[in-house]
Amino acid sequence: MNVVIEVRSLQKTYRSVEGVTLQALRDVTATIAGGEFVTVLGPSGCGKSSLLRIIAGLEPATAGEVIVNGRVVTAPIADVGIVFQDPLLMPWRTTLANILLPIEVLKRGVPGHRAAAEALVKLVHLEGFGHRYPHELSGGMRQRVAIARALIHDPPLLLMDEPFGSLDEITREQMGLELMRIWDETRKTILFVTHSVSEAVFLSDQVLVMSPRPGVIKARLPIELPRPRTAKIRGLAAYTEYCQQLRDELGLLS
């Protein structure tokens, strides 16, 4: 197995300005293989986002370690794409200019990546909107720009922190279908954070279930549903059963 992410006995503790200690993560251990779509599922405040940020190198762990592509993470890593719940687009930049932003930051030469940016516009189905500004796009379209931006430097790993959480239910389902199509075409390793049971089952190869704070991985559920995933998957008895298993793990009332 080609291991892309290895999390070993990870712990994260925060201290408030009043001096109160809060343990967000406790002894989190996980392994994610190359090309897998893995979802971290858990209630709000369980440390899902903290885990993602530590893996990306955006904040340090209190104890334990994270290894990405064979290297211990001690600082922000360049070979990763990150998508947050807020697309965080620059309002004065067009769709293409926003997508190309990481290339500018990494100093890789914008002219040489313009064709790749235009190809990503097509990949996320935004043909005709390359020169539009964020205020001219819908919420779902802005999130597609954010996904394209995360892919422009061709990272092997994509980290997604509740990227569809602020969208309405219909748009959210549409974006889930779009993400499946993009994943089928690129086969990036994806670590996806959500608190939606149905979203976790629809997208994932496996789901890691986290407990309430302090977050620990209390269960791992492989999702053995056929791919490519389409909306019809939601009508299968196996899909419903997986959803119920996850609800049981989360302690949700049936």
C-alpha atoms as a PDB file:
ATOM      1  CA  MET A   1       0.000   0.000   0.000  1.00  0.00           C
ATOM      2  CA  ASN A   2       1.287   3.445  -0.971  1.00  0.00           C
ATOM      3  CA  VAL A   3       0.813   5.437   2.243  1.00  0.00           C
ATOM      4  CA  VAL A   4       0.339   9.170   1.662  1.00  0.00           C
ATOM      5  CA  ILE A   5      -0.719  10.294   5.153  1.00  0.00           C
ATOM      6  CA  GLU A   6       0.300   8.709   8.435  1.00  0.00           C
ATOM      7  CA  VAL A   7      -0.947  10.217  11.686  1.00  0.00           C
ATOM      8  CA  ARG A   8       0.739   8.877  14.815  1.00  0.00           C
ATOM      9  CA  SER A   9      -0.629   9.411  18.346  1.00  0.00           C
ATOM     10  CA  LEU A  10      -1.574  12.987  17.538  1.00  0.00           C
ATOM     11  CA  GLN A  11      -2.640  15.344  20.294  1.00  0.00           C
ATOM     12  CA  LYS A  12      -3.639  18.992  20.201  1.00  0.00           C
ATOM     13  CA  THR A  13      -4.199  21.234  23.203  1.00  0.00           C
ATOM     14  CA  TYR A  14      -5.189  24.889  23.132  1.00  0.00           C
ATOM     15  CA  ARG A  15      -4.858  27.437  25.916  1.00  0.00           C
ATOM     16  CA  SER A  16      -7.341  30.297  26.125  1.00  0.00           C
ATOM     17  CA  VAL A  17      -6.414  33.877  27.006  1.00  0.00           C
ATOM     18  CA  GLU A  18      -7.827  33.151  30.462  1.00  0.00           C
ATOM     19  CA  GLY A  19      -5.349  30.308  30.843  1.00  0.00           C
ATOM     20  CA  VAL A  20      -7.916  27.514  30.464  1.00  0.00           C
ATOM     21  CA  THR A  21      -6.556  24.382  28.755  1.00  0.00           C
ATOM     22  CA  LEU A  22      -8.735  22.730  26.098  1.00  0.00           C
ATOM     23  CA  GLN A  23      -7.782  19.377  24.584  1.00  0.00           C
ATOM     24  CA  ALA A  24      -9.049  19.225  21.003  1.00  0.00           C
ATOM     25  CA  LEU A  25      -7.429  15.942  19.875  1.00  0.00           C
ATOM     26  CA  ARG A  26      -6.283  12.934  21.882  1.00  0.00           C
ATOM     27  CA  ASP A  27      -4.189  10.051  20.555  1.00  0.00           C
ATOM     28  CA  VAL A  28      -5.388  10.245  16.940  1.00  0.00           C
ATOM     29  CA  THR A  29      -3.828   7.580  14.721  1.00  0.00           C
ATOM     30  CA  ALA A  30      -4.717   6.942  11.074  1.00  0.00           C
ATOM     31  CA  THR A  31      -3.233   5.827   7.756  1.00  0.00           C
ATOM     32  CA  ILE A  32      -4.449   6.958   4.334  1.00  0.00           C
ATOM     33  CA  ALA A  33      -3.329   5.347   1.094  1.00  0.00           C
ATOM     34  CA  GLY A  34      -2.642   7.047  -2.214  1.00  0.00           C
ATOM     35  CA  GLY A  35      -5.728   7.653  -4.334  1.00  0.00           C
ATOM     36  CA  GLU A  36      -8.154   7.089  -1.460  1.00  0.00           C
ATOM     37  CA  PHE A  37     -11.102   9.328  -0.705  1.00  0.00           C
ATOM     38  CA  VAL A  38     -11.298   9.397   3.100  1.00  0.00           C
ATOM     39  CA  THR A  39     -13.806  11.393   5.126  1.00  0.00           C
ATOM     40  CA  VAL A  40     -13.454  12.494   8.733  1.00  0.00           C
ATOM     41  CA  LEU A  41     -16.953  12.609  10.228  1.00  0.00           C
ATOM     42  CA  GLY A  42     -17.864  13.959  13.617  1.00  0.00           C
ATOM     43  CA  PRO A  43     -19.882  16.500  15.596  1.00  0.00           C
ATOM     44  CA  SER A  44     -19.025  20.198  15.652  1.00  0.00           C
ATOM     45  CA  GLY A  45     -16.080  20.984  17.908  1.00  0.00           C
ATOM     46  CA  CYS A  46     -14.588  17.488  17.868  1.00  0.00           C
ATOM     47  CA  GLY A  47     -11.269  18.605  16.344  1.00  0.00           C
ATOM     48  CA  LYS A  48     -11.860  17.683  12.678  1.00  0.00           C
ATOM     49  CA  SER A  49     -10.611  21.017  11.366  1.00  0.00           C
ATOM     50  CA  SER A  50      -7.665  21.011  13.784  1.00  0.00           C
ATOM     51  CA  LEU A  51      -6.640  17.612  12.442  1.00  0.00           C
ATOM     52  CA  LEU A  52      -6.785  18.862   8.861  1.00  0.00           C
ATOM     53  CA  ARG A  53      -4.778  21.990   9.648  1.00  0.00           C
ATOM     54  CA  ILE A  54      -2.093  19.977  11.431  1.00  0.00           C
ATOM     55  CA  ILE A  55      -1.808  17.600   8.466  1.00  0.00           C
ATOM     56  CA  ALA A  56      -1.415  20.635   6.168  1.00  0.00           C
ATOM     57  CA  GLY A  57       1.269  22.066   8.432  1.00  0.00           C
ATOM     58  CA  LEU A  58      -0.809  25.172   9.155  1.00  0.00           C
ATOM     59  CA  GLU A  59      -0.582  24.638  12.914  1.00  0.00           C
ATOM     60  CA  PRO A  60       1.619  22.458  15.129  1.00  0.00           C
ATOM     61  CA  ALA A  61       0.599  19.382  17.065  1.00  0.00           C
ATOM     62  CA  THR A  62       1.042  19.343  20.826  1.00  0.00           C
ATOM     63  CA  ALA A  63       2.283  15.748  20.679  1.00  0.00           C
ATOM     64  CA  GLY A  64       2.597  12.967  18.121  1.00  0.00           C
ATOM     65  CA  GLU A  65       3.475  13.450  14.463  1.00  0.00           C
ATOM     66  CA  VAL A  66       2.122  13.572  10.939  1.00  0.00           C
ATOM     67  CA  ILE A  67       4.000  12.132   7.970  1.00  0.00           C
ATOM     68  CA  VAL A  68       2.949  13.140   4.441  1.00  0.00           C
ATOM     69  CA  ASN A  69       4.600  11.418   1.486  1.00  0.00           C
ATOM     70  CA  GLY A  70       7.349  10.090   3.730  1.00  0.00           C
ATOM     71  CA  ARG A  71       8.221  13.434   5.360  1.00  0.00           C
ATOM     72  CA  VAL A  72       7.409  14.574   8.880  1.00  0.00           C
ATOM     73  CA  VAL A  73       5.259  17.704   8.715  1.00  0.00           C
ATOM     74  CA  THR A  74       6.826  20.587  10.651  1.00  0.00           C
ATOM     75  CA  ALA A  75       5.727  23.550   8.495  1.00  0.00           C
ATOM     76  CA  PRO A  76       3.190  24.317   5.733  1.00  0.00           C
ATOM     77  CA  ILE A  77       3.660  21.870   2.863  1.00  0.00           C
ATOM     78  CA  ALA A  78       3.636  22.961  -0.766  1.00  0.00           C
ATOM     79  CA  ASP A  79       2.448  19.721  -2.397  1.00  0.00           C
ATOM     80  CA  VAL A  80      -1.079  19.918  -0.996  1.00  0.00           C
ATOM     81  CA  GLY A  81      -4.264  21.644  -2.140  1.00  0.00           C
ATOM     82  CA  ILE A  82      -6.623  23.002   0.520  1.00  0.00           C
ATOM     83  CA  VAL A  83     -10.299  23.924   0.184  1.00  0.00           C
ATOM     84  CA  PHE A  84     -12.089  25.577   3.100  1.00  0.00           C
ATOM     85  CA  GLN A  85     -15.790  26.147   3.769  1.00  0.00           C
ATOM     86  CA  ASP A  86     -15.333  29.755   2.671  1.00  0.00           C
ATOM     87  CA  PRO A  87     -13.809  29.807  -0.841  1.00  0.00           C
ATOM     88  CA  LEU A  88     -11.632  32.795   0.191  1.00  0.00           C
ATOM     89  CA  LEU A  89     -11.455  34.218  -3.325  1.00  0.00           C
ATOM     90  CA  MET A  90      -9.796  37.567  -3.970  1.00  0.00           C
ATOM     91  CA  PRO A  91     -12.722  39.822  -4.975  1.00  0.00           C
ATOM     92  CA  TRP A  92     -10.571  41.934  -7.315  1.00  0.00           C
ATOM     93  CA  ARG A  93      -9.316  38.900  -9.259  1.00  0.00           C
ATOM     94  CA  THR A  94     -11.132  37.052 -12.030  1.00  0.00           C
ATOM     95  CA  THR A  95     -11.826  33.324 -11.929  1.00  0.00           C
ATOM     96  CA  LEU A  96      -8.635  32.563 -13.886  1.00  0.00           C
ATOM     97  CA  ALA A  97      -6.566  34.956 -11.788  1.00  0.00           C
ATOM     98  CA  ASN A  98      -7.846  33.382  -8.569  1.00  0.00           C
ATOM     99  CA  ILE A  99      -7.037  29.904  -9.853  1.00  0.00           C
ATOM    100  CA  LEU A 100      -3.502  31.009 -10.733  1.00  0.00           C
ATOM    101  CA  LEU A 101      -2.825  32.570  -7.325  1.00  0.00           C
ATOM    102  CA  PRO A 102      -0.924  29.544  -5.892  1.00  0.00           C
ATOM    103  CA  ILE A 103       1.371  29.597  -8.950  1.00  0.00           C
ATOM    104  CA  GLU A 104       2.255  33.210  -8.170  1.00  0.00           C
ATOM    105  CA  VAL A 105       2.846  32.402  -4.486  1.00  0.00           C
ATOM    106  CA  LEU A 106       5.029  29.408  -5.363  1.00  0.00           C
ATOM    107  CA  LYS A 107       6.828  31.456  -8.048  1.00  0.00           C
ATOM    108  CA  ARG A 108       6.349  28.779 -10.696  1.00  0.00           C
ATOM    109  CA  GLY A 109       5.650  31.089 -13.635  1.00  0.00           C
ATOM    110  CA  VAL A 110       2.114  32.153 -14.463  1.00  0.00           C
ATOM    111  CA  PRO A 111       2.440  32.129 -18.294  1.00  0.00           C
ATOM    112  CA  GLY A 112       3.452  28.463 -18.247  1.00  0.00           C
ATOM    113  CA  HIS A 113       0.385  27.524 -16.189  1.00  0.00           C
ATOM    114  CA  ARG A 114      -2.279  29.561 -17.975  1.00  0.00           C
ATOM    115  CA  ALA A 115      -3.288  26.630 -20.191  1.00  0.00           C
ATOM    116  CA  ALA A 116      -3.573  24.410 -17.104  1.00  0.00           C
ATOM    117  CA  ALA A 117      -5.811  27.025 -15.446  1.00  0.00           C
ATOM    118  CA  GLU A 118      -8.051  27.142 -18.505  1.00  0.00           C
ATOM    119  CA  ALA A 119      -8.245  23.335 -18.485  1.00  0.00           C
ATOM    120  CA  LEU A 120      -9.289  23.438 -14.825  1.00  0.00           C
ATOM    121  CA  VAL A 121     -12.022  25.941 -15.662  1.00  0.00           C
ATOM    122  CA  LYS A 122     -13.409  23.280 -17.998  1.00  0.00           C
ATOM    123  CA  LEU A 123     -12.859  20.504 -15.444  1.00  0.00           C
ATOM    124  CA  VAL A 124     -15.043  22.293 -12.879  1.00  0.00           C
ATOM    125  CA  HIS A 125     -17.629  23.215 -15.545  1.00  0.00           C
ATOM    126  CA  LEU A 126     -17.095  26.991 -15.481  1.00  0.00           C
ATOM    127  CA  GLU A 127     -16.620  27.510 -19.212  1.00  0.00           C
ATOM    128  CA  GLY A 128     -17.440  31.096 -20.067  1.00  0.00           C
ATOM    129  CA  PHE A 129     -16.775  32.358 -16.541  1.00  0.00           C
ATOM    130  CA  GLY A 130     -12.980  32.582 -16.630  1.00  0.00           C
ATOM    131  CA  HIS A 131     -13.036  36.376 -16.733  1.00  0.00           C
ATOM    132  CA  ARG A 132     -15.871  36.876 -14.251  1.00  0.00           C
ATOM    133  CA  TYR A 133     -15.321  38.189 -10.724  1.00  0.00           C
ATOM    134  CA  PRO A 134     -16.449  36.399  -7.526  1.00  0.00           C
ATOM    135  CA  HIS A 135     -19.452  38.685  -7.015  1.00  0.00           C
ATOM    136  CA  GLU A 136     -20.733  37.561 -10.423  1.00  0.00           C
ATOM    137  CA  LEU A 137     -20.701  33.880  -9.406  1.00  0.00           C
ATOM    138  CA  SER A 138     -23.093  31.794  -7.312  1.00  0.00           C
ATOM    139  CA  GLY A 139     -21.934  30.132  -4.083  1.00  0.00           C
ATOM    140  CA  GLY A 140     -21.470  26.789  -5.800  1.00  0.00           C
ATOM    141  CA  MET A 141     -19.524  28.382  -8.645  1.00  0.00           C
ATOM    142  CA  ARG A 142     -17.209  30.164  -6.209  1.00  0.00           C
ATOM    143  CA  GLN A 143     -16.515  26.851  -4.496  1.00  0.00           C
ATOM    144  CA  ARG A 144     -15.692  25.296  -7.879  1.00  0.00           C
ATOM    145  CA  VAL A 145     -13.140  28.074  -8.385  1.00  0.00           C
ATOM    146  CA  ALA A 146     -11.654  27.212  -4.977  1.00  0.00           C
ATOM    147  CA  ILE A 147     -11.350  23.546  -5.982  1.00  0.00           C
ATOM    148  CA  ALA A 148      -9.665  24.484  -9.267  1.00  0.00           C
ATOM    149  CA  ARG A 149      -7.282  26.780  -7.389  1.00  0.00           C
ATOM    150  CA  ALA A 150      -6.372  23.911  -5.057  1.00  0.00           C
ATOM    151  CA  LEU A 151      -5.552  21.718  -8.077  1.00  0.00           C
ATOM    152  CA  ILE A 152      -3.544  24.214 -10.186  1.00  0.00           C
ATOM    153  CA  HIS A 153      -0.124  23.143  -8.882  1.00  0.00           C
ATOM    154  CA  ASP A 154      -1.069  19.468  -9.352  1.00  0.00           C
ATOM    155  CA  PRO A 155      -0.715  18.387  -5.709  1.00  0.00           C
ATOM    156  CA  PRO A 156      -0.989  14.661  -4.939  1.00  0.00           C
ATOM    157  CA  LEU A 157      -3.083  15.443  -1.853  1.00  0.00           C
ATOM    158  CA  LEU A 158      -6.278  17.487  -1.480  1.00  0.00           C
ATOM    159  CA  LEU A 159      -7.529  18.535   1.984  1.00  0.00           C
ATOM    160  CA  MET A 160     -11.135  19.743   2.151  1.00  0.00           C
ATOM    161  CA  ASP A 161     -12.578  21.285   5.323  1.00  0.00           C
ATOM    162  CA  GLU A 162     -16.390  21.221   5.086  1.00  0.00           C
ATOM    163  CA  PRO A 163     -16.195  22.819   1.625  1.00  0.00           C
ATOM    164  CA  PHE A 164     -19.941  22.547   0.973  1.00  0.00           C
ATOM    165  CA  GLY A 165     -21.123  23.406   4.482  1.00  0.00           C
ATOM    166  CA  SER A 166     -22.390  26.888   3.609  1.00  0.00           C
ATOM    167  CA  LEU A 167     -24.315  25.802   0.499  1.00  0.00           C
ATOM    168  CA  ASP A 168     -28.013  25.015   0.253  1.00  0.00           C
ATOM    169  CA  GLU A 169     -28.938  21.330   0.159  1.00  0.00           C
ATOM    170  CA  ILE A 170     -29.569  21.146  -3.600  1.00  0.00           C
ATOM    171  CA  THR A 171     -26.299  22.892  -4.469  1.00  0.00           C
ATOM    172  CA  ARG A 172     -24.490  20.759  -1.903  1.00  0.00           C
ATOM    173  CA  GLU A 173     -25.641  17.548  -3.584  1.00  0.00           C
ATOM    174  CA  GLN A 174     -24.682  18.926  -6.991  1.00  0.00           C
ATOM    175  CA  MET A 175     -21.213  19.803  -5.691  1.00  0.00           C
ATOM    176  CA  GLY A 176     -20.849  16.308  -4.266  1.00  0.00           C
ATOM    177  CA  LEU A 177     -21.526  14.890  -7.713  1.00  0.00           C
ATOM    178  CA  GLU A 178     -19.053  17.338  -9.249  1.00  0.00           C
ATOM    179  CA  LEU A 179     -16.387  16.375  -6.724  1.00  0.00           C
ATOM    180  CA  MET A 180     -16.891  12.695  -7.504  1.00  0.00           C
ATOM    181  CA  ARG A 181     -16.472  13.404 -11.197  1.00  0.00           C
ATOM    182  CA  ILE A 182     -13.297  15.414 -10.568  1.00  0.00           C
ATOM    183  CA  TRP A 183     -11.906  12.709  -8.277  1.00  0.00           C
ATOM    184  CA  ASP A 184     -12.656  10.043 -10.899  1.00  0.00           C
ATOM    185  CA  GLU A 185     -10.665  12.064 -13.438  1.00  0.00           C
ATOM    186  CA  THR A 186      -7.705  13.055 -11.242  1.00  0.00           C
ATOM    187  CA  ARG A 187      -7.523  10.277  -8.612  1.00  0.00           C
ATOM    188  CA  LYS A 188      -5.986  12.605  -6.068  1.00  0.00           C
ATOM    189  CA  THR A 189      -5.767  11.449  -2.475  1.00  0.00           C
ATOM    190  CA  ILE A 190      -8.559  13.372  -0.727  1.00  0.00           C
ATOM    191  CA  LEU A 191      -9.122  13.908   2.987  1.00  0.00           C
ATOM    192  CA  PHE A 192     -12.560  15.447   3.432  1.00  0.00           C
ATOM    193  CA  VAL A 193     -14.041  16.841   6.656  1.00  0.00           C
ATOM    194  CA  THR A 194     -17.804  16.947   7.196  1.00  0.00           C
ATOM    195  CA  HIS A 195     -20.525  16.562   9.806  1.00  0.00           C
ATOM    196  CA  SER A 196     -22.970  15.203   7.197  1.00  0.00           C
ATOM    197  CA  VAL A 197     -23.566  11.451   7.392  1.00  0.00           C
ATOM    198  CA  SER A 198     -25.089  11.188   3.910  1.00  0.00           C
ATOM    199  CA  GLU A 199     -22.242  13.198   2.365  1.00  0.00           C
ATOM    200  CA  ALA A 200     -19.650  10.970   4.039  1.00  0.00           C
ATOM    201  CA  VAL A 201     -21.236   7.782   2.712  1.00  0.00           C
ATOM    202  CA  PHE A 202     -21.761   9.132  -0.797  1.00  0.00           C
ATOM    203  CA  LEU A 203     -18.193  10.359  -1.286  1.00  0.00           C
ATOM    204  CA  SER A 204     -15.920   8.024   0.604  1.00  0.00           C
ATOM    205  CA  ASP A 205     -13.824   4.895   0.315  1.00  0.00           C
ATOM    206  CA  GLN A 206     -13.661   4.924   4.099  1.00  0.00           C
ATOM    207  CA  VAL A 207     -15.060   7.069   6.881  1.00  0.00           C
ATOM    208  CA  LEU A 208     -13.189   7.881  10.093  1.00  0.00           C
ATOM    209  CA  VAL A 209     -15.675   8.640  12.873  1.00  0.00           C
ATOM    210  CA  MET A 210     -14.522  11.033  15.583  1.00  0.00           C
ATOM    211  CA  SER A 211     -15.844  11.302  19.111  1.00  0.00           C
ATOM    212  CA  PRO A 212     -16.895  14.558  20.773  1.00  0.00           C
ATOM    213  CA  ARG A 213     -14.035  16.628  22.174  1.00  0.00           C
ATOM    214  CA  PRO A 214     -11.383  15.606  22.898  1.00  0.00           C
ATOM    215  CA  GLY A 215     -11.555  14.038  19.463  1.00  0.00           C
ATOM    216  CA  VAL A 216     -10.396  10.477  18.980  1.00  0.00           C
ATOM    217  CA  ILE A 217     -11.057   8.206  16.019  1.00  0.00           C
ATOM    218  CA  LYS A 218     -13.624   5.870  17.509  1.00  0.00           C
ATOM    219  CA  ALA A 219     -14.476   3.886  14.363  1.00  0.00           C
ATOM    220  CA  ARG A 220     -13.353   3.257  10.806  1.00  0.00           C
ATOM    221  CA  LEU A 221     -16.006   2.229   8.268  1.00  0.00           C
ATOM    222  CA  PRO A 222     -15.020   1.128   4.732  1.00  0.00           C
ATOM    223  CA  ILE A 223     -17.689   2.136   2.186  1.00  0.00           C
ATOM    224  CA  GLU A 224     -17.982  -0.592  -0.420  1.00  0.00           C
ATOM    225  CA  LEU A 225     -20.391   1.031  -2.845  1.00  0.00           C
ATOM    226  CA  PRO A 226     -19.882   0.882  -6.624  1.00  0.00           C
ATOM    227  CA  ARG A 227     -18.007   3.597  -8.475  1.00  0.00           C
ATOM    228  CA  PRO A 228     -18.434   5.860 -10.297  1.00  0.00           C
ATOM    229  CA  ARG A 229     -20.936   7.254  -7.795  1.00  0.00           C
ATOM    230  CA  THR A 230     -24.106   8.805  -9.149  1.00  0.00           C
ATOM    231  CA  ALA A 231     -27.225  10.167  -7.463  1.00  0.00           C
ATOM    232  CA  LYS A 232     -28.832   6.725  -7.839  1.00  0.00           C
ATOM    233  CA  ILE A 233     -26.434   5.377  -5.200  1.00  0.00           C
ATOM    234  CA  ARG A 234     -28.592   7.074  -2.562  1.00  0.00           C
ATOM    235  CA  GLY A 235     -31.462   4.740  -3.432  1.00  0.00           C
ATOM    236  CA  LEU A 236     -29.523   1.556  -2.657  1.00  0.00           C
ATOM    237  CA  ALA A 237     -30.281  -0.422   0.497  1.00  0.00           C
ATOM    238  CA  ALA A 238     -26.522  -0.651   1.167  1.00  0.00           C
ATOM    239  CA  TYR A 239     -26.263   3.152   1.144  1.00  0.00           C
ATOM    240  CA  THR A 240     -29.053   3.422   3.712  1.00  0.00           C
ATOM    241  CA  GLU A 241     -27.389   0.752   5.855  1.00  0.00           C
ATOM    242  CA  TYR A 242     -24.046   2.571   5.840  1.00  0.00           C
ATOM    243  CA  CYS A 243     -25.806   5.785   6.869  1.00  0.00           C
ATOM    244  CA  GLN A 244     -27.455   3.979   9.761  1.00  0.00           C
ATOM    245  CA  GLN A 245     -24.161   2.439  10.888  1.00  0.00           C
ATOM    246  CA  LEU A 246     -22.579   5.881  11.018  1.00  0.00           C
ATOM    247  CA  ARG A 247     -25.549   7.338  12.889  1.00  0.00           C
ATOM    248  CA  ASP A 248     -25.193   4.532  15.427  1.00  0.00           C
ATOM    249  CA  GLU A 249     -21.474   5.282  15.820  1.00  0.00           C
ATOM    250  CA  LEU A 250     -22.296   8.952  16.389  1.00  0.00           C
ATOM    251  CA  GLY A 251     -24.973   8.087  18.933  1.00  0.00           C
ATOM    252  CA  LEU A 252     -27.749   9.676  16.903  1.00  0.00           C
ATOM    253  CA  LEU A 253     -31.314   8.616  17.641  1.00  0.00           C
ATOM    254  CA  SER A 254     -32.981   6.660  14.832  1.00  0.00           C
END
